[in-house]
């Protein structure tokens, strides 16, 4: 799952990984300043972007999903935590 680089599904210094209840894998892609989401079989699904707005990241360092379906991300260089509801598969 993933390879080195800056493209979709490529990673640069991972700082956290978590698997949700649906089997999706979330990766804190530190130097690419984004969270990437992969399916359980390793296919790239989506990622966030660098910035300081909602849903944007600057060197995210950790990611966790709680039992209620919320994902928490330590957005290090923006000095904040971000919280999102995980969308179930359709």
PDB file of N, CA and C in Angstrom:
ATOM      1  N   UNK A   1       0.847  -1.166   0.000  1.00  0.00           N
ATOM      2  CA  UNK A   1       0.000   0.000   0.000  1.00  0.00           C
ATOM      3  C   UNK A   1       0.890   1.225   0.000  1.00  0.00           C
ATOM      4  N   UNK A   2       0.768   2.056  -1.006  1.00  0.00           N
ATOM      5  CA  UNK A   2       1.548   3.277  -1.093  1.00  0.00           C
ATOM      6  C   UNK A   2       2.982   3.024  -1.528  1.00  0.00           C
ATOM      7  N   UNK A   3       3.597   4.081  -2.013  1.00  0.00           N
ATOM      8  CA  UNK A   3       5.011   4.071  -2.373  1.00  0.00           C
ATOM      9  C   UNK A   3       5.531   5.477  -2.090  1.00  0.00           C
ATOM     10  N   UNK A   4       6.828   5.687  -2.185  1.00  0.00           N
ATOM     11  CA  UNK A   4       7.386   7.002  -1.917  1.00  0.00           C
ATOM     12  C   UNK A   4       7.018   8.007  -2.992  1.00  0.00           C
ATOM     13  N   UNK A   5       6.716   9.245  -2.585  1.00  0.00           N
ATOM     14  CA  UNK A   5       6.417  10.291  -3.554  1.00  0.00           C
ATOM     15  C   UNK A   5       5.339  11.243  -3.075  1.00  0.00           C
ATOM     16  N   UNK A   6       4.834  12.050  -4.006  1.00  0.00           N
ATOM     17  CA  UNK A   6       3.844  13.069  -3.670  1.00  0.00           C
ATOM     18  C   UNK A   6       2.506  12.888  -4.377  1.00  0.00           C
ATOM     19  N   UNK A   7       2.375  11.885  -5.220  1.00  0.00           N
ATOM     20  CA  UNK A   7       1.132  11.662  -5.957  1.00  0.00           C
ATOM     21  C   UNK A   7       0.085  10.947  -5.115  1.00  0.00           C
ATOM     22  N   UNK A   8      -1.085  10.754  -5.704  1.00  0.00           N
ATOM     23  CA  UNK A   8      -2.150  10.012  -5.029  1.00  0.00           C
ATOM     24  C   UNK A   8      -1.654   8.626  -4.649  1.00  0.00           C
ATOM     25  N   UNK A   9      -1.820   8.268  -3.377  1.00  0.00           N
ATOM     26  CA  UNK A   9      -1.387   6.965  -2.897  1.00  0.00           C
ATOM     27  C   UNK A   9       0.091   6.870  -2.582  1.00  0.00           C
ATOM     28  N   UNK A  10       0.854   7.935  -2.829  1.00  0.00           N
ATOM     29  CA  UNK A  10       2.271   7.954  -2.495  1.00  0.00           C
ATOM     30  C   UNK A  10       2.451   8.671  -1.158  1.00  0.00           C
ATOM     31  N   UNK A  11       3.474   8.262  -0.421  1.00  0.00           N
ATOM     32  CA  UNK A  11       3.651   8.726   0.950  1.00  0.00           C
ATOM     33  C   UNK A  11       5.037   9.313   1.170  1.00  0.00           C
ATOM     34  N   UNK A  12       5.118  10.237   2.150  1.00  0.00           N
ATOM     35  CA  UNK A  12       6.398  10.813   2.555  1.00  0.00           C
ATOM     36  C   UNK A  12       6.394  10.955   4.072  1.00  0.00           C
ATOM     37  N   UNK A  13       7.086  10.066   4.753  1.00  0.00           N
ATOM     38  CA  UNK A  13       7.230  10.054   6.207  1.00  0.00           C
ATOM     39  C   UNK A  13       5.876   9.897   6.900  1.00  0.00           C
ATOM     40  N   UNK A  14       5.434   8.669   7.007  1.00  0.00           N
ATOM     41  CA  UNK A  14       4.180   8.391   7.705  1.00  0.00           C
ATOM     42  C   UNK A  14       4.379   8.542   9.204  1.00  0.00           C
ATOM     43  N   UNK A  15       3.384   9.145   9.863  1.00  0.00           N
ATOM     44  CA  UNK A  15       3.469   9.395  11.304  1.00  0.00           C
ATOM     45  C   UNK A  15       2.291   8.801  12.069  1.00  0.00           C
ATOM     46  N   UNK A  16       1.413   8.104  11.395  1.00  0.00           N
ATOM     47  CA  UNK A  16       0.295   7.470  12.076  1.00  0.00           C
ATOM     48  C   UNK A  16      -0.558   6.705  11.090  1.00  0.00           C
ATOM     49  N   UNK A  17      -1.104   5.584  11.548  1.00  0.00           N
ATOM     50  CA  UNK A  17      -1.963   4.742  10.718  1.00  0.00           C
ATOM     51  C   UNK A  17      -3.103   4.239  11.585  1.00  0.00           C
ATOM     52  N   UNK A  18      -4.311   4.191  11.018  1.00  0.00           N
ATOM     53  CA  UNK A  18      -5.445   3.635  11.741  1.00  0.00           C
ATOM     54  C   UNK A  18      -6.394   2.984  10.756  1.00  0.00           C
ATOM     55  N   UNK A  19      -7.019   1.885  11.180  1.00  0.00           N
ATOM     56  CA  UNK A  19      -8.003   1.176  10.372  1.00  0.00           C
ATOM     57  C   UNK A  19      -9.369   1.359  11.020  1.00  0.00           C
ATOM     58  N   UNK A  20     -10.360   1.826  10.241  1.00  0.00           N
ATOM     59  CA  UNK A  20     -11.703   2.018  10.792  1.00  0.00           C
ATOM     60  C   UNK A  20     -12.487   0.708  10.782  1.00  0.00           C
ATOM     61  N   UNK A  21     -13.702   0.739  11.293  1.00  0.00           N
ATOM     62  CA  UNK A  21     -14.535  -0.449  11.395  1.00  0.00           C
ATOM     63  C   UNK A  21     -14.943  -1.045  10.058  1.00  0.00           C
ATOM     64  N   UNK A  22     -14.796  -0.285   8.981  1.00  0.00           N
ATOM     65  CA  UNK A  22     -15.132  -0.764   7.634  1.00  0.00           C
ATOM     66  C   UNK A  22     -13.899  -1.326   6.916  1.00  0.00           C
ATOM     67  N   UNK A  23     -12.737  -1.259   7.583  1.00  0.00           N
ATOM     68  CA  UNK A  23     -11.508  -1.779   6.989  1.00  0.00           C
ATOM     69  C   UNK A  23     -10.715  -0.766   6.193  1.00  0.00           C
ATOM     70  N   UNK A  24     -11.171   0.503   6.147  1.00  0.00           N
ATOM     71  CA  UNK A  24     -10.411   1.548   5.456  1.00  0.00           C
ATOM     72  C   UNK A  24      -9.194   1.933   6.292  1.00  0.00           C
ATOM     73  N   UNK A  25      -8.105   2.262   5.608  1.00  0.00           N
ATOM     74  CA  UNK A  25      -6.854   2.592   6.267  1.00  0.00           C
ATOM     75  C   UNK A  25      -6.580   4.087   6.084  1.00  0.00           C
ATOM     76  N   UNK A  26      -6.346   4.786   7.200  1.00  0.00           N
ATOM     77  CA  UNK A  26      -6.031   6.215   7.195  1.00  0.00           C
ATOM     78  C   UNK A  26      -4.559   6.372   7.554  1.00  0.00           C
ATOM     79  N   UNK A  27      -3.826   7.166   6.773  1.00  0.00           N
ATOM     80  CA  UNK A  27      -2.394   7.339   6.990  1.00  0.00           C
ATOM     81  C   UNK A  27      -2.083   8.826   7.135  1.00  0.00           C
ATOM     82  N   UNK A  28      -1.412   9.195   8.238  1.00  0.00           N
ATOM     83  CA  UNK A  28      -0.914  10.561   8.404  1.00  0.00           C
ATOM     84  C   UNK A  28       0.363  10.676   7.576  1.00  0.00           C
ATOM     85  N   UNK A  29       0.260  11.347   6.448  1.00  0.00           N
ATOM     86  CA  UNK A  29       1.343  11.513   5.474  1.00  0.00           C
ATOM     87  C   UNK A  29       2.035  12.845   5.783  1.00  0.00           C
ATOM     88  N   UNK A  30       2.947  12.804   6.742  1.00  0.00           N
ATOM     89  CA  UNK A  30       3.521  13.979   7.399  1.00  0.00           C
ATOM     90  C   UNK A  30       4.070  15.044   6.446  1.00  0.00           C
ATOM     91  N   UNK A  31       5.102  14.726   5.675  1.00  0.00           N
ATOM     92  CA  UNK A  31       5.738  15.752   4.830  1.00  0.00           C
ATOM     93  C   UNK A  31       4.905  16.127   3.614  1.00  0.00           C
ATOM     94  N   UNK A  32       3.961  15.294   3.213  1.00  0.00           N
ATOM     95  CA  UNK A  32       3.030  15.683   2.141  1.00  0.00           C
ATOM     96  C   UNK A  32       1.850  16.484   2.697  1.00  0.00           C
ATOM     97  N   UNK A  33       1.825  16.647   4.017  1.00  0.00           N
ATOM     98  CA  UNK A  33       0.823  17.485   4.698  1.00  0.00           C
ATOM     99  C   UNK A  33      -0.611  17.091   4.367  1.00  0.00           C
ATOM    100  N   UNK A  34      -0.890  15.794   4.526  1.00  0.00           N
ATOM    101  CA  UNK A  34      -2.236  15.317   4.228  1.00  0.00           C
ATOM    102  C   UNK A  34      -2.511  14.000   4.939  1.00  0.00           C
ATOM    103  N   UNK A  35      -3.774  13.671   5.027  1.00  0.00           N
ATOM    104  CA  UNK A  35      -4.207  12.353   5.462  1.00  0.00           C
ATOM    105  C   UNK A  35      -4.647  11.618   4.203  1.00  0.00           C
ATOM    106  N   UNK A  36      -4.175  10.394   4.038  1.00  0.00           N
ATOM    107  CA  UNK A  36      -4.600   9.607   2.887  1.00  0.00           C
ATOM    108  C   UNK A  36      -5.482   8.459   3.366  1.00  0.00           C
ATOM    109  N   UNK A  37      -6.457   8.115   2.552  1.00  0.00           N
ATOM    110  CA  UNK A  37      -7.378   7.024   2.859  1.00  0.00           C
ATOM    111  C   UNK A  37      -7.257   5.963   1.775  1.00  0.00           C
ATOM    112  N   UNK A  38      -7.104   4.710   2.236  1.00  0.00           N
ATOM    113  CA  UNK A  38      -6.992   3.563   1.343  1.00  0.00           C
ATOM    114  C   UNK A  38      -8.065   2.545   1.715  1.00  0.00           C
ATOM    115  N   UNK A  39      -8.486   1.755   0.758  1.00  0.00           N
ATOM    116  CA  UNK A  39      -9.375   0.636   1.059  1.00  0.00           C
ATOM    117  C   UNK A  39      -8.560  -0.442   1.764  1.00  0.00           C
ATOM    118  N   UNK A  40      -9.239  -1.413   2.341  1.00  0.00           N
ATOM    119  CA  UNK A  40      -8.561  -2.504   3.033  1.00  0.00           C
ATOM    120  C   UNK A  40      -7.630  -3.308   2.144  1.00  0.00           C
ATOM    121  N   UNK A  41      -7.899  -3.305   0.826  1.00  0.00           N
ATOM    122  CA  UNK A  41      -7.020  -4.045  -0.084  1.00  0.00           C
ATOM    123  C   UNK A  41      -5.903  -3.166  -0.649  1.00  0.00           C
ATOM    124  N   UNK A  42      -5.781  -1.920  -0.132  1.00  0.00           N
ATOM    125  CA  UNK A  42      -4.668  -1.058  -0.503  1.00  0.00           C
ATOM    126  C   UNK A  42      -4.929  -0.072  -1.616  1.00  0.00           C
ATOM    127  N   UNK A  43      -6.144  -0.031  -2.157  1.00  0.00           N
ATOM    128  CA  UNK A  43      -6.450   0.919  -3.231  1.00  0.00           C
ATOM    129  C   UNK A  43      -6.615   2.330  -2.660  1.00  0.00           C
ATOM    130  N   UNK A  44      -6.008   3.305  -3.310  1.00  0.00           N
ATOM    131  CA  UNK A  44      -6.130   4.704  -2.907  1.00  0.00           C
ATOM    132  C   UNK A  44      -7.583   5.148  -3.052  1.00  0.00           C
ATOM    133  N   UNK A  45      -8.111   5.849  -2.037  1.00  0.00           N
ATOM    134  CA  UNK A  45      -9.483   6.374  -2.090  1.00  0.00           C
ATOM    135  C   UNK A  45      -9.478   7.898  -2.184  1.00  0.00           C
ATOM    136  N   UNK A  46      -8.796   8.571  -1.243  1.00  0.00           N
ATOM    137  CA  UNK A  46      -8.838  10.038  -1.204  1.00  0.00           C
ATOM    138  C   UNK A  46      -7.748  10.564  -0.280  1.00  0.00           C
ATOM    139  N   UNK A  47      -7.530  11.883  -0.340  1.00  0.00           N
ATOM    140  CA  UNK A  47      -6.633  12.529   0.621  1.00  0.00           C
ATOM    141  C   UNK A  47      -7.057  13.972   0.828  1.00  0.00           C
ATOM    142  N   UNK A  48      -6.619  14.524   1.965  1.00  0.00           N
ATOM    143  CA  UNK A  48      -6.813  15.940   2.243  1.00  0.00           C
ATOM    144  C   UNK A  48      -5.675  16.732   1.623  1.00  0.00           C
ATOM    145  N   UNK A  49      -5.712  18.035   1.807  1.00  0.00           N
ATOM    146  CA  UNK A  49      -4.711  18.909   1.198  1.00  0.00           C
ATOM    147  C   UNK A  49      -4.012  19.772   2.243  1.00  0.00           C
ATOM    148  N   UNK A  50      -2.858  20.326   1.862  1.00  0.00           N
ATOM    149  CA  UNK A  50      -2.104  21.213   2.743  1.00  0.00           C
ATOM    150  C   UNK A  50      -2.833  22.546   2.883  1.00  0.00           C
ATOM    151  N   UNK A  51      -2.821  23.066   4.103  1.00  0.00           N
ATOM    152  CA  UNK A  51      -3.404  24.374   4.355  1.00  0.00           C
ATOM    153  C   UNK A  51      -3.768  24.520   5.812  1.00  0.00           C
ATOM    154  N   UNK A  52      -4.474  25.599   6.125  1.00  0.00           N
ATOM    155  CA  UNK A  52      -4.879  25.826   7.509  1.00  0.00           C
ATOM    156  C   UNK A  52      -6.386  25.954   7.668  1.00  0.00           C
ATOM    157  N   UNK A  53      -7.147  25.642   6.627  1.00  0.00           N
ATOM    158  CA  UNK A  53      -8.604  25.655   6.703  1.00  0.00           C
ATOM    159  C   UNK A  53      -9.141  24.327   7.203  1.00  0.00           C
ATOM    160  N   UNK A  54     -10.459  24.252   7.371  1.00  0.00           N
ATOM    161  CA  UNK A  54     -11.091  22.999   7.774  1.00  0.00           C
ATOM    162  C   UNK A  54     -10.799  21.920   6.739  1.00  0.00           C
ATOM    163  N   UNK A  55     -10.370  20.756   7.210  1.00  0.00           N
ATOM    164  CA  UNK A  55     -10.072  19.650   6.314  1.00  0.00           C
ATOM    165  C   UNK A  55      -8.732  19.764   5.605  1.00  0.00           C
ATOM    166  N   UNK A  56      -7.948  20.773   5.960  1.00  0.00           N
ATOM    167  CA  UNK A  56      -6.603  20.926   5.424  1.00  0.00           C
ATOM    168  C   UNK A  56      -5.615  20.682   6.554  1.00  0.00           C
ATOM    169  N   UNK A  57      -4.398  20.272   6.193  1.00  0.00           N
ATOM    170  CA  UNK A  57      -3.428  19.844   7.198  1.00  0.00           C
ATOM    171  C   UNK A  57      -2.050  20.425   6.933  1.00  0.00           C
ATOM    172  N   UNK A  58      -1.264  20.515   7.995  1.00  0.00           N
ATOM    173  CA  UNK A  58       0.140  20.898   7.884  1.00  0.00           C
ATOM    174  C   UNK A  58       0.916  19.997   8.838  1.00  0.00           C
ATOM    175  N   UNK A  59       1.586  19.039   8.285  1.00  0.00           N
ATOM    176  CA  UNK A  59       2.350  17.998   8.985  1.00  0.00           C
ATOM    177  C   UNK A  59       1.516  17.244  10.032  1.00  0.00           C
ATOM    178  N   UNK A  60       0.493  16.520   9.579  1.00  0.00           N
ATOM    179  CA  UNK A  60      -0.301  15.721  10.515  1.00  0.00           C
ATOM    180  C   UNK A  60       0.533  14.600  11.102  1.00  0.00           C
ATOM    181  N   UNK A  61       0.350  14.370  12.392  1.00  0.00           N
ATOM    182  CA  UNK A  61       1.240  13.435  13.075  1.00  0.00           C
ATOM    183  C   UNK A  61       0.531  12.227  13.659  1.00  0.00           C
ATOM    184  N   UNK A  62      -0.750  12.225  13.736  1.00  0.00           N
ATOM    185  CA  UNK A  62      -1.447  11.082  14.310  1.00  0.00           C
ATOM    186  C   UNK A  62      -2.882  11.047  13.834  1.00  0.00           C
ATOM    187  N   UNK A  63      -3.440   9.864  13.819  1.00  0.00           N
ATOM    188  CA  UNK A  63      -4.824   9.697  13.384  1.00  0.00           C
ATOM    189  C   UNK A  63      -5.440   8.542  14.155  1.00  0.00           C
ATOM    190  N   UNK A  64      -6.686   8.718  14.592  1.00  0.00           N
ATOM    191  CA  UNK A  64      -7.400   7.665  15.300  1.00  0.00           C
ATOM    192  C   UNK A  64      -8.891   7.796  14.975  1.00  0.00           C
ATOM    193  N   UNK A  65      -9.579   6.678  14.948  1.00  0.00           N
ATOM    194  CA  UNK A  65     -11.025   6.650  14.733  1.00  0.00           C
ATOM    195  C   UNK A  65     -11.658   6.050  15.976  1.00  0.00           C
ATOM    196  N   UNK A  66     -12.681   6.737  16.531  1.00  0.00           N
ATOM    197  CA  UNK A  66     -13.317   6.240  17.751  1.00  0.00           C
ATOM    198  C   UNK A  66     -14.493   5.320  17.442  1.00  0.00           C
ATOM    199  N   UNK A  67     -15.079   4.744  18.472  1.00  0.00           N
ATOM    200  CA  UNK A  67     -16.166   3.768  18.317  1.00  0.00           C
ATOM    201  C   UNK A  67     -17.435   4.379  17.737  1.00  0.00           C
ATOM    202  N   UNK A  68     -17.573   5.712  17.792  1.00  0.00           N
ATOM    203  CA  UNK A  68     -18.758   6.383  17.264  1.00  0.00           C
ATOM    204  C   UNK A  68     -18.592   6.836  15.822  1.00  0.00           C
ATOM    205  N   UNK A  69     -17.466   6.519  15.213  1.00  0.00           N
ATOM    206  CA  UNK A  69     -17.256   6.843  13.812  1.00  0.00           C
ATOM    207  C   UNK A  69     -16.663   8.215  13.552  1.00  0.00           C
ATOM    208  N   UNK A  70     -15.956   8.770  14.523  1.00  0.00           N
ATOM    209  CA  UNK A  70     -15.276  10.045  14.316  1.00  0.00           C
ATOM    210  C   UNK A  70     -13.788   9.808  14.169  1.00  0.00           C
ATOM    211  N   UNK A  71     -13.172  10.532  13.258  1.00  0.00           N
ATOM    212  CA  UNK A  71     -11.733  10.456  13.069  1.00  0.00           C
ATOM    213  C   UNK A  71     -11.113  11.724  13.665  1.00  0.00           C
ATOM    214  N   UNK A  72     -10.052  11.552  14.430  1.00  0.00           N
ATOM    215  CA  UNK A  72      -9.334  12.660  15.061  1.00  0.00           C
ATOM    216  C   UNK A  72      -7.932  12.708  14.476  1.00  0.00           C
ATOM    217  N   UNK A  73      -7.503  13.911  14.095  1.00  0.00           N
ATOM    218  CA  UNK A  73      -6.200  14.073  13.458  1.00  0.00           C
ATOM    219  C   UNK A  73      -5.403  15.146  14.197  1.00  0.00           C
ATOM    220  N   UNK A  74      -4.189  14.801  14.613  1.00  0.00           N
ATOM    221  CA  UNK A  74      -3.279  15.777  15.212  1.00  0.00           C
ATOM    222  C   UNK A  74      -2.625  16.555  14.074  1.00  0.00           C
ATOM    223  N   UNK A  75      -3.064  17.796  13.901  1.00  0.00           N
ATOM    224  CA  UNK A  75      -2.605  18.671  12.822  1.00  0.00           C
ATOM    225  C   UNK A  75      -1.479  19.538  13.381  1.00  0.00           C
ATOM    226  N   UNK A  76      -0.290  18.981  13.421  1.00  0.00           N
ATOM    227  CA  UNK A  76       0.833  19.487  14.205  1.00  0.00           C
ATOM    228  C   UNK A  76       1.197  20.947  13.948  1.00  0.00           C
ATOM    229  N   UNK A  77       1.568  21.297  12.734  1.00  0.00           N
ATOM    230  CA  UNK A  77       2.054  22.656  12.480  1.00  0.00           C
ATOM    231  C   UNK A  77       0.935  23.701  12.469  1.00  0.00           C
ATOM    232  N   UNK A  78      -0.310  23.255  12.418  1.00  0.00           N
ATOM    233  CA  UNK A  78      -1.437  24.180  12.584  1.00  0.00           C
ATOM    234  C   UNK A  78      -1.854  24.275  14.056  1.00  0.00           C
ATOM    235  N   UNK A  79      -1.161  23.548  14.924  1.00  0.00           N
ATOM    236  CA  UNK A  79      -1.396  23.577  16.381  1.00  0.00           C
ATOM    237  C   UNK A  79      -2.853  23.315  16.749  1.00  0.00           C
ATOM    238  N   UNK A  80      -3.397  22.225  16.210  1.00  0.00           N
ATOM    239  CA  UNK A  80      -4.799  21.906  16.487  1.00  0.00           C
ATOM    240  C   UNK A  80      -5.077  20.425  16.266  1.00  0.00           C
ATOM    241  N   UNK A  81      -6.243  20.016  16.753  1.00  0.00           N
ATOM    242  CA  UNK A  81      -6.810  18.706  16.448  1.00  0.00           C
ATOM    243  C   UNK A  81      -7.987  18.957  15.520  1.00  0.00           C
ATOM    244  N   UNK A  82      -8.168  18.073  14.548  1.00  0.00           N
ATOM    245  CA  UNK A  82      -9.351  18.161  13.699  1.00  0.00           C
ATOM    246  C   UNK A  82     -10.180  16.896  13.907  1.00  0.00           C
ATOM    247  N   UNK A  83     -11.501  17.058  13.827  1.00  0.00           N
ATOM    248  CA  UNK A  83     -12.429  15.957  14.055  1.00  0.00           C
ATOM    249  C   UNK A  83     -13.401  15.906  12.878  1.00  0.00           C
ATOM    250  N   UNK A  84     -13.574  14.684  12.338  1.00  0.00           N
ATOM    251  CA  UNK A  84     -14.487  14.464  11.221  1.00  0.00           C
ATOM    252  C   UNK A  84     -15.288  13.209  11.469  1.00  0.00           C
ATOM    253  N   UNK A  85     -16.477  13.146  10.909  1.00  0.00           N
ATOM    254  CA  UNK A  85     -17.240  11.905  10.972  1.00  0.00           C
ATOM    255  C   UNK A  85     -16.860  11.053   9.778  1.00  0.00           C
ATOM    256  N   UNK A  86     -16.514   9.802  10.047  1.00  0.00           N
ATOM    257  CA  UNK A  86     -16.158   8.867   8.990  1.00  0.00           C
ATOM    258  C   UNK A  86     -17.422   8.519   8.228  1.00  0.00           C
ATOM    259  N   UNK A  87     -17.333   8.601   6.916  1.00  0.00           N
ATOM    260  CA  UNK A  87     -18.491   8.267   6.067  1.00  0.00           C
ATOM    261  C   UNK A  87     -18.507   6.762   5.807  1.00  0.00           C
ATOM    262  N   UNK A  88     -19.634   6.108   6.104  1.00  0.00           N
ATOM    263  CA  UNK A  88     -19.700   4.665   5.828  1.00  0.00           C
ATOM    264  C   UNK A  88     -19.678   4.382   4.338  1.00  0.00           C
ATOM    265  N   UNK A  89     -19.226   3.200   3.992  1.00  0.00           N
ATOM    266  CA  UNK A  89     -19.203   2.795   2.576  1.00  0.00           C
ATOM    267  C   UNK A  89     -20.639   2.663   2.084  1.00  0.00           C
ATOM    268  N   UNK A  90     -20.836   2.994   0.800  1.00  0.00           N
ATOM    269  CA  UNK A  90     -22.176   2.883   0.200  1.00  0.00           C
ATOM    270  C   UNK A  90     -22.230   1.787  -0.806  1.00  0.00           C
TER     271      UNK A  90
END
